[in-house]
Amino acid sequence: MLVKDNIQIHFFLFKGLNPLENYGQIYIRCTDIDGFYQSLLDQKVTIHPNGKLEVKPWGQKEFSLLDPDNNLLTFGQSI
């Protein structure tokens, strides 16, 4: 389970899932993305190699990580 402010995201075991074939993804809008990103780094959470925190051309500041089942979790904040 991941908890941030008033939001909780629960993850559940899916025994039949082959993580190498998983293409699940979710986009989560948040506030204080800089602080959240730093808190994950402080906790040694692995950030996706191509998903470092950066400003995107579409006006969002984003970063991404993969959960243990290879679901892509992208966090973004409007700038």
Protein backbone atom coordinates (compact mmCIF):
# COMPACT_ATOMS: atom_id res chain seq x y z
CA MET A 1 0.00 0.00 0.00
CA LEU A 2 1.20 3.50 -0.85
CA VAL A 3 -0.14 6.40 1.23
CA LYS A 4 0.28 10.10 0.43
CA ASP A 5 -1.78 12.79 2.14
CA ASN A 6 -5.43 11.67 1.82
CA ILE A 7 -4.81 9.11 -0.92
CA GLN A 8 -4.15 5.39 -0.54
CA ILE A 9 -3.29 3.06 -3.40
CA HIS A 10 -3.63 -0.61 -2.61
CA PHE A 11 -1.75 -3.26 -4.57
CA PHE A 12 -2.88 -6.86 -4.67
CA LEU A 13 -1.16 -10.10 -5.61
CA PHE A 14 -2.17 -11.47 -9.01
CA LYS A 15 -0.56 -14.92 -9.12
CA GLY A 16 -1.40 -15.53 -12.79
CA LEU A 17 0.28 -12.35 -14.01
CA ASN A 18 3.56 -12.61 -15.86
CA PRO A 19 5.27 -9.29 -14.95
CA LEU A 20 7.38 -9.40 -18.10
CA GLU A 21 4.20 -9.29 -20.20
CA ASN A 22 2.34 -6.70 -18.12
CA TYR A 23 1.54 -3.38 -19.79
CA GLY A 24 -0.65 -1.93 -17.01
CA GLN A 25 -0.23 1.73 -16.25
CA ILE A 26 -1.83 4.52 -14.24
CA TYR A 27 -1.42 8.31 -14.13
CA ILE A 28 -1.74 9.95 -10.72
CA ARG A 29 -2.02 13.72 -10.40
CA CYS A 30 -0.52 15.13 -7.24
CA THR A 31 0.63 18.29 -5.52
CA ASP A 32 4.11 18.99 -4.17
CA ILE A 33 5.61 16.57 -6.67
CA ASP A 34 9.13 17.74 -5.79
CA GLY A 35 8.66 16.81 -2.13
CA PHE A 36 7.00 13.51 -2.99
CA TYR A 37 9.76 12.59 -5.44
CA GLN A 38 12.43 13.41 -2.85
CA SER A 39 10.62 11.36 -0.19
CA LEU A 40 10.66 8.35 -2.52
CA LEU A 41 14.37 8.83 -3.20
CA ASP A 42 14.99 9.11 0.56
CA GLN A 43 13.19 5.77 1.01
CA LYS A 44 15.35 4.20 -1.73
CA VAL A 45 12.38 3.63 -4.05
CA THR A 46 13.63 2.82 -7.54
CA ILE A 47 12.59 5.40 -10.11
CA HIS A 48 12.09 4.16 -13.68
CA PRO A 49 15.36 4.65 -15.62
CA ASN A 50 13.50 6.74 -18.22
CA GLY A 51 11.19 8.36 -15.68
CA LYS A 52 13.25 10.85 -13.70
CA LEU A 53 11.42 13.97 -12.51
CA GLU A 54 11.24 16.51 -15.31
CA VAL A 55 9.02 19.10 -16.93
CA LYS A 56 7.25 17.74 -19.99
CA PRO A 57 6.29 19.74 -23.11
CA TRP A 58 2.59 19.22 -22.29
CA GLY A 59 2.82 21.34 -19.12
CA GLN A 60 3.24 18.63 -16.51
CA LYS A 61 6.11 17.89 -14.15
CA GLU A 62 6.29 14.09 -14.01
CA PHE A 63 8.18 11.02 -12.90
CA SER A 64 7.52 7.30 -13.22
CA LEU A 65 8.28 4.06 -11.46
CA LEU A 66 7.41 0.41 -11.89
CA ASP A 67 5.65 -1.56 -9.17
CA PRO A 68 6.72 -5.17 -8.52
CA ASP A 69 4.33 -6.43 -11.25
CA ASN A 70 5.69 -3.98 -13.85
CA ASN A 71 2.69 -1.63 -13.72
CA LEU A 72 3.92 1.79 -14.82
CA LEU A 73 2.98 4.40 -12.21
CA THR A 74 3.39 7.97 -13.47
CA PHE A 75 2.95 10.87 -11.09
CA GLY A 76 2.32 14.36 -12.46
CA GLN A 77 1.64 17.91 -11.37
CA SER A 78 0.47 20.79 -13.57
CA ILE A 79 2.93 23.64 -13.82
